[in-house]
Protein backbone atom coordinates (compact mmCIF):
# COMPACT_ATOMS: atom_id res chain seq x y z
CA MET A 1 53.52 -90.57 -102.40
CA LYS A 2 57.72 -90.06 -102.64
CA ARG A 3 59.20 -89.97 -99.39
CA THR A 4 62.10 -86.52 -100.28
CA TYR A 5 64.05 -84.53 -97.89
CA ILE A 6 65.24 -81.11 -99.06
CA ASP A 7 68.12 -79.66 -98.36
CA SER A 8 68.41 -76.63 -97.68
CA GLY A 9 70.29 -75.01 -100.92
CA VAL A 10 66.30 -75.43 -102.70
CA LEU A 11 64.90 -73.95 -99.87
CA ILE A 12 67.12 -70.39 -100.00
CA GLU A 13 66.59 -70.77 -104.38
CA ALA A 14 63.12 -71.42 -104.04
CA MET A 15 62.65 -68.43 -101.49
CA GLN A 16 64.47 -66.29 -104.47
CA GLY A 17 61.95 -67.39 -106.83
CA ASN A 18 61.76 -63.96 -108.43
CA SER A 19 65.16 -64.05 -109.01
CA GLY A 20 64.02 -65.93 -112.71
CA THR A 21 66.72 -68.47 -112.97
CA ALA A 22 66.37 -71.83 -113.46
CA VAL A 23 67.91 -73.50 -110.55
CA SER A 24 64.68 -71.07 -108.78
CA PHE A 25 62.29 -72.24 -110.81
CA GLN A 26 63.20 -76.07 -110.45
CA ALA A 27 63.06 -75.57 -106.30
CA GLN A 28 59.24 -74.07 -106.26
CA ARG A 29 59.06 -77.05 -108.53
CA VAL A 30 59.92 -79.11 -106.17
CA LEU A 31 57.78 -77.73 -103.65
CA LEU A 32 54.69 -77.48 -105.39
CA GLU A 33 55.19 -80.68 -106.25
CA PRO A 34 51.27 -83.28 -104.92
CA ASP A 35 52.88 -86.86 -105.12
CA ARG A 36 55.76 -86.00 -102.66
CA GLU A 37 55.83 -86.16 -98.74
CA PHE A 38 58.56 -83.74 -97.19
CA ALA A 39 61.24 -85.16 -94.92
CA SER A 40 63.81 -82.20 -93.30
CA SER A 41 65.87 -82.00 -90.34
CA ILE A 42 67.19 -79.60 -87.28
CA PHE A 43 70.30 -79.56 -89.55
CA VAL A 44 67.95 -77.65 -92.80
CA LYS A 45 66.57 -75.34 -89.83
CA LEU A 46 69.99 -74.49 -89.10
CA GLU A 47 70.72 -73.33 -92.18
CA VAL A 48 67.98 -71.02 -92.96
CA LEU A 49 65.98 -70.00 -89.92
CA PRO A 50 69.02 -68.57 -87.35
CA LYS A 51 69.97 -65.94 -90.45
CA ALA A 52 66.41 -64.80 -91.80
CA THR A 53 65.23 -64.36 -88.13
CA TYR A 54 68.17 -62.53 -86.96
CA TYR A 55 67.59 -60.03 -90.18
CA LYS A 56 63.97 -59.98 -89.32
CA ASN A 57 62.94 -60.86 -92.82
CA ALA A 58 60.12 -61.48 -91.23
CA ALA A 59 58.55 -62.86 -95.01
CA GLU A 60 61.38 -65.10 -95.66
CA VAL A 61 61.32 -66.70 -91.95
CA ALA A 62 57.47 -67.38 -92.91
CA PHE A 63 58.20 -68.72 -95.81
CA TYR A 64 60.25 -71.66 -94.62
CA GLU A 65 58.37 -71.95 -91.87
CA ASP A 66 55.55 -73.09 -94.26
CA PHE A 67 58.24 -75.35 -95.37
CA PHE A 68 58.34 -76.97 -91.94
CA ASN A 69 55.15 -77.37 -91.45
CA LEU A 70 54.47 -79.35 -94.42
CA VAL A 71 57.20 -81.85 -93.07
CA VAL A 72 56.00 -85.20 -92.11
CA HIS A 73 59.03 -87.23 -91.27
CA TRP A 74 61.53 -85.34 -88.72
CA ALA A 75 65.12 -87.06 -88.93
CA HIS A 76 65.87 -86.94 -85.03
CA PRO A 77 70.48 -85.94 -84.54
CA ASP A 78 71.45 -88.86 -82.28
CA ASP A 79 74.79 -90.98 -82.10
CA ARG A 80 73.55 -93.30 -84.63
CA LEU A 81 72.42 -90.85 -87.14
CA MET A 82 76.08 -88.79 -85.85
CA GLN A 83 78.01 -91.93 -86.53
CA ALA A 84 76.08 -92.48 -90.20
CA ALA A 85 76.95 -88.70 -91.16
CA TYR A 86 80.41 -89.51 -90.15
CA GLN A 87 81.15 -92.78 -92.01
CA HIS A 88 79.39 -90.88 -95.33
CA ALA A 89 82.24 -88.42 -94.63
CA CYS A 90 84.52 -90.43 -94.40
CA ASP A 91 83.66 -93.71 -97.21
CA PHE A 92 83.16 -90.50 -100.09
CA GLY A 93 84.86 -87.67 -99.19
CA ILE A 94 81.41 -85.27 -98.58
CA ALA A 95 81.50 -82.74 -96.27
CA ALA A 96 80.17 -82.38 -92.84
CA LEU A 97 76.86 -80.72 -93.61
CA ASP A 98 75.78 -83.14 -96.54
CA ALA A 99 76.96 -85.95 -94.70
CA LEU A 100 74.69 -84.88 -91.43
CA HIS A 101 71.73 -84.56 -94.45
CA VAL A 102 72.32 -87.98 -95.41
CA ALA A 103 72.50 -89.57 -92.85
CA ALA A 104 69.41 -87.52 -91.25
CA ALA A 105 67.67 -88.92 -95.22
CA ILE A 106 68.84 -91.91 -94.88
CA SER A 107 67.33 -92.43 -91.50
CA VAL A 108 63.88 -91.16 -92.13
CA GLY A 109 63.54 -93.67 -94.92
CA ALA A 110 63.56 -91.02 -97.71
CA GLU A 111 64.07 -92.14 -100.98
CA GLU A 112 65.72 -88.87 -102.21
CA LEU A 113 67.55 -86.30 -100.96
CA ILE A 114 67.29 -82.75 -103.30
CA THR A 115 69.65 -80.50 -103.38
CA THR A 116 71.47 -77.71 -105.30
CA GLU A 117 75.02 -79.15 -105.41
CA LYS A 118 76.20 -79.33 -108.77
CA LEU A 119 76.40 -83.26 -109.61
CA SER A 120 80.31 -82.67 -109.65
CA LYS A 121 80.03 -82.52 -105.63
CA PRO A 122 81.12 -85.38 -103.41
CA ILE A 123 77.64 -85.57 -102.09
CA HIS A 124 76.34 -87.08 -105.46
CA ARG A 125 78.84 -90.24 -104.21
CA ALA A 126 76.93 -90.79 -101.11
CA THR A 127 74.83 -94.61 -101.45
CA GLY A 128 71.94 -95.40 -99.57
CA ILE A 129 69.92 -92.93 -101.32
CA THR A 130 69.16 -91.60 -104.52
CA VAL A 131 70.91 -87.66 -104.44
CA VAL A 132 69.12 -84.93 -107.57
CA SER A 133 70.26 -82.07 -108.36
CA ILE A 134 68.18 -79.51 -109.55
CA GLN A 135 71.20 -77.55 -111.58
CA PRO A 136 71.34 -77.66 -114.83
CA ALA A 137 73.93 -80.60 -116.04
């Protein structure tokens, strides 16, 4: 099983899968691959669930909760993770939340972090984990 940390953008694209875009299709495909076990963090939850909950979008909330119920490895936002995220942000010019995702993924031993960020974005400069974009090249 490949331990995979899923960025919030992938979940959002998968949820909006009826849009028929290549990115939405890729997001759904990744979530359905049977050889993966998923990793996540409270940071991903914070990006996807509050707005859907506030606007009472029951289908969207259910989709995200179904994914989070499949998560096997949860990152714990302790001081060590925060310091690692800070270091990634400083070393590679990564945005704060992306640095938290990188640090969280590494902390749970994920083999890859799958994102919707384009290859030109700083998150792809991170070391210690393979960052894979589902955006077309």
